[in-house]
Each structure stands twice: as C-alpha cells, then as structure tokens.
PDB file of N, CA and C in Angstrom:
ATOM      1  N   UNK A   1      53.904 179.676  97.848  1.00  0.00           N
ATOM      2  CA  UNK A   1      54.476 181.010  98.008  1.00  0.00           C
ATOM      3  C   UNK A   1      55.212 181.051  99.348  1.00  0.00           C
ATOM      4  N   UNK A   2      56.458 181.458  99.354  1.00  0.00           N
ATOM      5  CA  UNK A   2      57.223 181.505 100.591  1.00  0.00           C
ATOM      6  C   UNK A   2      56.767 182.690 101.438  1.00  0.00           C
ATOM      7  N   UNK A   3      57.040 182.584 102.743  1.00  0.00           N
ATOM      8  CA  UNK A   3      56.586 183.619 103.656  1.00  0.00           C
ATOM      9  C   UNK A   3      57.178 184.983 103.336  1.00  0.00           C
ATOM     10  N   UNK A   4      58.506 185.098 103.082  1.00  0.00           N
ATOM     11  CA  UNK A   4      59.031 186.438 102.764  1.00  0.00           C
ATOM     12  C   UNK A   4      58.366 187.024 101.524  1.00  0.00           C
ATOM     13  N   UNK A   5      58.149 186.216 100.486  1.00  0.00           N
ATOM     14  CA  UNK A   5      57.495 186.723  99.283  1.00  0.00           C
ATOM     15  C   UNK A   5      56.062 187.138  99.582  1.00  0.00           C
ATOM     16  N   UNK A   6      55.385 186.394 100.428  1.00  0.00           N
ATOM     17  CA  UNK A   6      54.014 186.727 100.805  1.00  0.00           C
ATOM     18  C   UNK A   6      53.965 188.105 101.456  1.00  0.00           C
ATOM     19  N   UNK A   7      54.871 188.335 102.420  1.00  0.00           N
ATOM     20  CA  UNK A   7      54.878 189.610 103.125  1.00  0.00           C
ATOM     21  C   UNK A   7      55.293 190.749 102.201  1.00  0.00           C
ATOM     22  N   UNK A   8      56.263 190.496 101.327  1.00  0.00           N
ATOM     23  CA  UNK A   8      56.673 191.527 100.369  1.00  0.00           C
ATOM     24  C   UNK A   8      55.528 191.858  99.423  1.00  0.00           C
ATOM     25  N   UNK A   9      54.821 190.838  98.973  1.00  0.00           N
ATOM     26  CA  UNK A   9      53.683 191.048  98.080  1.00  0.00           C
ATOM     27  C   UNK A   9      52.583 191.833  98.792  1.00  0.00           C
ATOM     28  N   UNK A  10      52.323 191.457 100.048  1.00  0.00           N
ATOM     29  CA  UNK A  10      51.296 192.154 100.810  1.00  0.00           C
ATOM     30  C   UNK A  10      51.690 193.618 100.998  1.00  0.00           C
ATOM     31  N   UNK A  11      52.961 193.877 101.327  1.00  0.00           N
ATOM     32  CA  UNK A  11      53.417 195.243 101.517  1.00  0.00           C
ATOM     33  C   UNK A  11      53.307 196.033 100.218  1.00  0.00           C
ATOM     34  N   UNK A  12      53.658 195.408  99.111  1.00  0.00           N
ATOM     35  CA  UNK A  12      53.563 196.078  97.814  1.00  0.00           C
ATOM     36  C   UNK A  12      52.125 196.466  97.505  1.00  0.00           C
ATOM     37  N   UNK A  13      51.201 195.552  97.748  1.00  0.00           N
ATOM     38  CA  UNK A  13      49.784 195.846  97.485  1.00  0.00           C
ATOM     39  C   UNK A  13      49.265 196.952  98.401  1.00  0.00           C
ATOM     40  N   UNK A  14      49.701 196.924  99.637  1.00  0.00           N
ATOM     41  CA  UNK A  14      49.277 197.970 100.579  1.00  0.00           C
ATOM     42  C   UNK A  14      49.831 199.323 100.135  1.00  0.00           C
ATOM     43  N   UNK A  15      51.113 199.343  99.713  1.00  0.00           N
ATOM     44  CA  UNK A  15      51.716 200.597  99.234  1.00  0.00           C
ATOM     45  C   UNK A  15      50.974 201.133  98.015  1.00  0.00           C
ATOM     46  N   UNK A  16      50.574 200.247  97.096  1.00  0.00           N
ATOM     47  CA  UNK A  16      49.815 200.677  95.926  1.00  0.00           C
ATOM     48  C   UNK A  16      48.474 201.271  96.338  1.00  0.00           C
ATOM     49  N   UNK A  17      47.834 200.627  97.294  1.00  0.00           N
ATOM     50  CA  UNK A  17      46.539 201.126  97.762  1.00  0.00           C
ATOM     51  C   UNK A  17      46.687 202.502  98.405  1.00  0.00           C
ATOM     52  N   UNK A  18      47.767 202.683  99.139  1.00  0.00           N
ATOM     53  CA  UNK A  18      48.005 203.968  99.805  1.00  0.00           C
ATOM     54  C   UNK A  18      48.273 205.069  98.786  1.00  0.00           C
ATOM     55  N   UNK A  19      49.086 204.743  97.773  1.00  0.00           N
ATOM     56  CA  UNK A  19      49.407 205.737  96.750  1.00  0.00           C
ATOM     57  C   UNK A  19      48.164 206.194  96.002  1.00  0.00           C
ATOM     58  N   UNK A  20      47.210 205.293  95.832  1.00  0.00           N
ATOM     59  CA  UNK A  20      45.992 205.621  95.100  1.00  0.00           C
ATOM     60  C   UNK A  20      44.903 206.195  96.004  1.00  0.00           C
ATOM     61  N   UNK A  21      45.179 206.268  97.288  1.00  0.00           N
ATOM     62  CA  UNK A  21      44.167 206.721  98.237  1.00  0.00           C
ATOM     63  C   UNK A  21      44.426 208.167  98.646  1.00  0.00           C
ATOM     64  N   UNK A  22      43.365 208.967  98.795  1.00  0.00           N
ATOM     65  CA  UNK A  22      43.554 210.346  99.243  1.00  0.00           C
ATOM     66  C   UNK A  22      43.893 210.443 100.730  1.00  0.00           C
ATOM     67  N   UNK A  23      43.610 209.397 101.482  1.00  0.00           N
ATOM     68  CA  UNK A  23      43.868 209.430 102.929  1.00  0.00           C
ATOM     69  C   UNK A  23      45.279 208.910 103.205  1.00  0.00           C
ATOM     70  N   UNK A  24      46.215 209.806 103.482  1.00  0.00           N
ATOM     71  CA  UNK A  24      47.622 209.429 103.667  1.00  0.00           C
ATOM     72  C   UNK A  24      47.887 208.758 105.015  1.00  0.00           C
ATOM     73  N   UNK A  25      47.008 208.956 105.987  1.00  0.00           N
ATOM     74  CA  UNK A  25      47.257 208.341 107.291  1.00  0.00           C
ATOM     75  C   UNK A  25      46.869 206.862 107.312  1.00  0.00           C
ATOM     76  N   UNK A  26      46.353 206.345 106.201  1.00  0.00           N
ATOM     77  CA  UNK A  26      46.025 204.916 106.124  1.00  0.00           C
ATOM     78  C   UNK A  26      47.293 204.087 106.300  1.00  0.00           C
ATOM     79  N   UNK A  27      48.407 204.545 105.712  1.00  0.00           N
ATOM     80  CA  UNK A  27      49.671 203.808 105.827  1.00  0.00           C
ATOM     81  C   UNK A  27      50.058 203.607 107.287  1.00  0.00           C
ATOM     82  N   UNK A  28      49.959 204.671 108.062  1.00  0.00           N
ATOM     83  CA  UNK A  28      50.303 204.575 109.478  1.00  0.00           C
ATOM     84  C   UNK A  28      49.385 203.594 110.198  1.00  0.00           C
ATOM     85  N   UNK A  29      48.101 203.645 109.891  1.00  0.00           N
ATOM     86  CA  UNK A  29      47.145 202.745 110.534  1.00  0.00           C
ATOM     87  C   UNK A  29      47.376 201.287 110.127  1.00  0.00           C
ATOM     88  N   UNK A  30      47.672 201.060 108.860  1.00  0.00           N
ATOM     89  CA  UNK A  30      47.914 199.698 108.388  1.00  0.00           C
ATOM     90  C   UNK A  30      49.182 199.138 109.019  1.00  0.00           C
ATOM     91  N   UNK A  31      50.241 199.951 109.078  1.00  0.00           N
ATOM     92  CA  UNK A  31      51.479 199.494 109.695  1.00  0.00           C
ATOM     93  C   UNK A  31      51.258 199.138 111.159  1.00  0.00           C
ATOM     94  N   UNK A  32      50.512 199.954 111.857  1.00  0.00           N
ATOM     95  CA  UNK A  32      50.219 199.672 113.262  1.00  0.00           C
ATOM     96  C   UNK A  32      49.418 198.383 113.395  1.00  0.00           C
ATOM     97  N   UNK A  33      48.450 198.189 112.501  1.00  0.00           N
ATOM     98  CA  UNK A  33      47.627 196.978 112.531  1.00  0.00           C
ATOM     99  C   UNK A  33      48.475 195.740 112.246  1.00  0.00           C
ATOM    100  N   UNK A  34      49.345 195.819 111.237  1.00  0.00           N
ATOM    101  CA  UNK A  34      50.210 194.688 110.901  1.00  0.00           C
ATOM    102  C   UNK A  34      51.201 194.392 112.021  1.00  0.00           C
ATOM    103  N   UNK A  35      51.780 195.432 112.589  1.00  0.00           N
ATOM    104  CA  UNK A  35      52.718 195.239 113.699  1.00  0.00           C
ATOM    105  C   UNK A  35      52.031 194.548 114.865  1.00  0.00           C
ATOM    106  N   UNK A  36      50.824 194.975 115.155  1.00  0.00           N
ATOM    107  CA  UNK A  36      50.053 194.362 116.230  1.00  0.00           C
ATOM    108  C   UNK A  36      49.763 192.893 115.910  1.00  0.00           C
ATOM    109  N   UNK A  37      49.390 192.623 114.677  1.00  0.00           N
ATOM    110  CA  UNK A  37      49.095 191.245 114.273  1.00  0.00           C
ATOM    111  C   UNK A  37      50.322 190.366 114.323  1.00  0.00           C
ATOM    112  N   UNK A  38      51.467 190.871 113.854  1.00  0.00           N
ATOM    113  CA  UNK A  38      52.701 190.083 113.884  1.00  0.00           C
ATOM    114  C   UNK A  38      53.165 189.835 115.315  1.00  0.00           C
ATOM    115  N   UNK A  39      52.959 190.807 116.194  1.00  0.00           N
ATOM    116  CA  UNK A  39      53.357 190.636 117.592  1.00  0.00           C
ATOM    117  C   UNK A  39      52.584 189.486 118.233  1.00  0.00           C
ATOM    118  N   UNK A  40      51.348 189.289 117.824  1.00  0.00           N
ATOM    119  CA  UNK A  40      50.532 188.205 118.372  1.00  0.00           C
ATOM    120  C   UNK A  40      50.942 186.837 117.835  1.00  0.00           C
ATOM    121  N   UNK A  41      51.688 186.798 116.730  1.00  0.00           N
ATOM    122  CA  UNK A  41      52.083 185.534 116.121  1.00  0.00           C
ATOM    123  C   UNK A  41      53.258 184.873 116.834  1.00  0.00           C
ATOM    124  N   UNK A  42      53.884 185.549 117.781  1.00  0.00           N
ATOM    125  CA  UNK A  42      54.997 184.993 118.541  1.00  0.00           C
ATOM    126  C   UNK A  42      56.124 184.551 117.606  1.00  0.00           C
ATOM    127  N   UNK A  43      56.539 185.449 116.711  1.00  0.00           N
ATOM    128  CA  UNK A  43      57.601 185.168 115.748  1.00  0.00           C
ATOM    129  C   UNK A  43      58.957 185.523 116.337  1.00  0.00           C
ATOM    130  N   UNK A  44      59.999 184.906 115.811  1.00  0.00           N
ATOM    131  CA  UNK A  44      61.358 185.267 116.193  1.00  0.00           C
ATOM    132  C   UNK A  44      62.092 185.735 114.944  1.00  0.00           C
ATOM    133  N   UNK A  45      63.110 186.543 115.158  1.00  0.00           N
ATOM    134  CA  UNK A  45      63.901 187.006 114.030  1.00  0.00           C
ATOM    135  C   UNK A  45      64.828 185.893 113.568  1.00  0.00           C
ATOM    136  N   UNK A  46      65.342 186.026 112.377  1.00  0.00           N
ATOM    137  CA  UNK A  46      66.288 185.031 111.848  1.00  0.00           C
ATOM    138  C   UNK A  46      67.531 184.976 112.725  1.00  0.00           C
ATOM    139  N   UNK A  47      67.968 186.141 113.202  1.00  0.00           N
ATOM    140  CA  UNK A  47      69.149 186.195 114.069  1.00  0.00           C
ATOM    141  C   UNK A  47      68.909 185.411 115.364  1.00  0.00           C
ATOM    142  N   UNK A  48      67.739 185.610 115.983  1.00  0.00           N
ATOM    143  CA  UNK A  48      67.411 184.870 117.203  1.00  0.00           C
ATOM    144  C   UNK A  48      67.361 183.368 116.939  1.00  0.00           C
ATOM    145  N   UNK A  49      66.794 182.989 115.805  1.00  0.00           N
ATOM    146  CA  UNK A  49      66.709 181.578 115.442  1.00  0.00           C
ATOM    147  C   UNK A  49      68.101 180.985 115.263  1.00  0.00           C
ATOM    148  N   UNK A  50      68.984 181.701 114.552  1.00  0.00           N
ATOM    149  CA  UNK A  50      70.345 181.216 114.323  1.00  0.00           C
ATOM    150  C   UNK A  50      71.119 181.060 115.621  1.00  0.00           C
ATOM    151  N   UNK A  51      70.945 182.011 116.542  1.00  0.00           N
ATOM    152  CA  UNK A  51      71.618 181.931 117.840  1.00  0.00           C
ATOM    153  C   UNK A  51      71.148 180.692 118.589  1.00  0.00           C
ATOM    154  N   UNK A  52      69.846 180.459 118.614  1.00  0.00           N
ATOM    155  CA  UNK A  52      69.319 179.291 119.321  1.00  0.00           C
ATOM    156  C   UNK A  52      69.745 177.983 118.655  1.00  0.00           C
ATOM    157  N   UNK A  53      69.844 177.972 117.332  1.00  0.00           N
ATOM    158  CA  UNK A  53      70.309 176.776 116.623  1.00  0.00           C
ATOM    159  C   UNK A  53      71.755 176.479 117.006  1.00  0.00           C
ATOM    160  N   UNK A  54      72.582 177.518 117.137  1.00  0.00           N
ATOM    161  CA  UNK A  54      73.978 177.322 117.543  1.00  0.00           C
ATOM    162  C   UNK A  54      74.058 176.824 118.979  1.00  0.00           C
ATOM    163  N   UNK A  55      73.247 177.384 119.859  1.00  0.00           N
ATOM    164  CA  UNK A  55      73.213 176.929 121.250  1.00  0.00           C
ATOM    165  C   UNK A  55      72.819 175.453 121.303  1.00  0.00           C
ATOM    166  N   UNK A  56      71.833 175.067 120.523  1.00  0.00           N
ATOM    167  CA  UNK A  56      71.395 173.680 120.483  1.00  0.00           C
ATOM    168  C   UNK A  56      72.504 172.768 119.968  1.00  0.00           C
ATOM    169  N   UNK A  57      73.199 173.174 118.926  1.00  0.00           N
ATOM    170  CA  UNK A  57      74.284 172.366 118.368  1.00  0.00           C
ATOM    171  C   UNK A  57      75.401 172.189 119.391  1.00  0.00           C
ATOM    172  N   UNK A  58      75.753 173.269 120.087  1.00  0.00           N
ATOM    173  CA  UNK A  58      76.791 173.193 121.122  1.00  0.00           C
ATOM    174  C   UNK A  58      76.360 172.274 122.252  1.00  0.00           C
ATOM    175  N   UNK A  59      75.127 172.408 122.684  1.00  0.00           N
ATOM    176  CA  UNK A  59      74.602 171.574 123.757  1.00  0.00           C
ATOM    177  C   UNK A  59      74.570 170.107 123.339  1.00  0.00           C
ATOM    178  N   UNK A  60      74.162 169.845 122.117  1.00  0.00           N
ATOM    179  CA  UNK A  60      74.125 168.472 121.609  1.00  0.00           C
ATOM    180  C   UNK A  60      75.521 167.860 121.585  1.00  0.00           C
ATOM    181  N   UNK A  61      76.517 168.635 121.163  1.00  0.00           N
ATOM    182  CA  UNK A  61      77.897 168.140 121.125  1.00  0.00           C
ATOM    183  C   UNK A  61      78.400 167.822 122.533  1.00  0.00           C
ATOM    184  N   UNK A  62      78.097 168.692 123.481  1.00  0.00           N
ATOM    185  CA  UNK A  62      78.510 168.448 124.867  1.00  0.00           C
ATOM    186  C   UNK A  62      77.818 167.211 125.428  1.00  0.00           C
ATOM    187  N   UNK A  63      76.549 167.048 125.113  1.00  0.00           N
ATOM    188  CA  UNK A  63      75.804 165.884 125.584  1.00  0.00           C
ATOM    189  C   UNK A  63      76.400 164.592 125.033  1.00  0.00           C
ATOM    190  N   UNK A  64      76.746 164.599 123.744  1.00  0.00           N
ATOM    191  CA  UNK A  64      77.349 163.409 123.138  1.00  0.00           C
ATOM    192  C   UNK A  64      78.689 163.088 123.786  1.00  0.00           C
ATOM    193  N   UNK A  65      79.483 164.117 124.088  1.00  0.00           N
ATOM    194  CA  UNK A  65      80.760 163.907 124.760  1.00  0.00           C
ATOM    195  C   UNK A  65      80.550 163.310 126.149  1.00  0.00           C
ATOM    196  N   UNK A  66      79.602 163.864 126.886  1.00  0.00           N
ATOM    197  CA  UNK A  66      79.321 163.340 128.232  1.00  0.00           C
ATOM    198  C   UNK A  66      78.812 161.904 128.181  1.00  0.00           C
ATOM    199  N   UNK A  67      77.973 161.595 127.206  1.00  0.00           N
ATOM    200  CA  UNK A  67      77.475 160.223 127.077  1.00  0.00           C
ATOM    201  C   UNK A  67      78.613 159.253 126.807  1.00  0.00           C
ATOM    202  N   UNK A  68      79.551 159.646 125.963  1.00  0.00           N
ATOM    203  CA  UNK A  68      80.674 158.748 125.676  1.00  0.00           C
ATOM    204  C   UNK A  68      81.577 158.601 126.895  1.00  0.00           C
ATOM    205  N   UNK A  69      81.771 159.663 127.654  1.00  0.00           N
ATOM    206  CA  UNK A  69      82.586 159.571 128.872  1.00  0.00           C
ATOM    207  C   UNK A  69      81.917 158.679 129.915  1.00  0.00           C
ATOM    208  N   UNK A  70      80.609 158.777 130.035  1.00  0.00           N
ATOM    209  CA  UNK A  70      79.887 157.916 130.977  1.00  0.00           C
ATOM    210  C   UNK A  70      80.012 156.454 130.551  1.00  0.00           C
ATOM    211  N   UNK A  71      79.901 156.196 129.266  1.00  0.00           N
ATOM    212  CA  UNK A  71      80.049 154.831 128.761  1.00  0.00           C
ATOM    213  C   UNK A  71      81.442 154.287 129.088  1.00  0.00           C
ATOM    214  N   UNK A  72      82.472 155.116 128.920  1.00  0.00           N
ATOM    215  CA  UNK A  72      83.835 154.706 129.258  1.00  0.00           C
ATOM    216  C   UNK A  72      83.966 154.404 130.749  1.00  0.00           C
ATOM    217  N   UNK A  73      83.438 155.269 131.583  1.00  0.00           N
ATOM    218  CA  UNK A  73      83.527 155.079 133.034  1.00  0.00           C
ATOM    219  C   UNK A  73      82.784 153.814 133.450  1.00  0.00           C
ATOM    220  N   UNK A  74      81.614 153.602 132.897  1.00  0.00           N
ATOM    221  CA  UNK A  74      80.848 152.381 133.204  1.00  0.00           C
ATOM    222  C   UNK A  74      81.624 151.139 132.794  1.00  0.00           C
ATOM    223  N   UNK A  75      82.280 151.192 131.651  1.00  0.00           N
ATOM    224  CA  UNK A  75      83.075 150.044 131.184  1.00  0.00           C
ATOM    225  C   UNK A  75      84.249 149.800 132.133  1.00  0.00           C
ATOM    226  N   UNK A  76      84.876 150.871 132.609  1.00  0.00           N
ATOM    227  CA  UNK A  76      85.993 150.709 133.550  1.00  0.00           C
ATOM    228  C   UNK A  76      85.517 150.125 134.872  1.00  0.00           C
ATOM    229  N   UNK A  77      84.356 150.503 135.328  1.00  0.00           N
ATOM    230  CA  UNK A  77      83.828 149.991 136.598  1.00  0.00           C
ATOM    231  C   UNK A  77      83.442 148.525 136.507  1.00  0.00           C
ATOM    232  N   UNK A  78      83.091 148.055 135.320  1.00  0.00           N
ATOM    233  CA  UNK A  78      82.689 146.659 135.161  1.00  0.00           C
ATOM    234  C   UNK A  78      83.892 145.720 135.059  1.00  0.00           C
ATOM    235  N   UNK A  79      85.076 146.261 134.783  1.00  0.00           N
ATOM    236  CA  UNK A  79      86.279 145.428 134.679  1.00  0.00           C
ATOM    237  C   UNK A  79      86.683 144.923 136.069  1.00  0.00           C
ATOM    238  N   UNK A  80      87.133 143.654 136.142  1.00  0.00           N
ATOM    239  CA  UNK A  80      87.563 143.103 137.442  1.00  0.00           C
ATOM    240  C   UNK A  80      88.915 143.616 137.870  1.00  0.00           C
TER     241      UNK A  80
END
C-alpha cells in the first residue's frame, strides 16, 4: 500500500468514525493528534523535495564541469 493511499484510507476511516459519533469535537482532536504525529516524523513536502533534487542536479553538473576543467589543467601542466 503506498503512503498517499494509506493516509487517504486512514482519513476516510476517521471521517466515517466521526460521522457515526455523537461527539463532533473528536475530529478536531484527531486532526491535532495527527498533525502532532506527522510533525515528529520530520517529513518534507513534495515541493521541497523537488527543489532539493534540482539543487542537487545543478550542483552535480557544476562539479562534473569543474572536474573536467581540473583534468584539462593538470594535463596542460604535465606537458613539456
């Protein structure tokens, strides 16, 4: 079961429980509990992940360029 489906399923079950329950403030308490639990998991949003993946790709490309330039310079220095 994928994580998004798991969370959607959990939310659906919680909503069903709330609808069948006479205590309407349970929803607020459950949401607060889940928010607190998710905050402790140190999760990032998809947007944050995508931004960091792009930063990594850019950094990797720059590193590869610098490595090739260093190799060229080293080769030039070794020539008589």
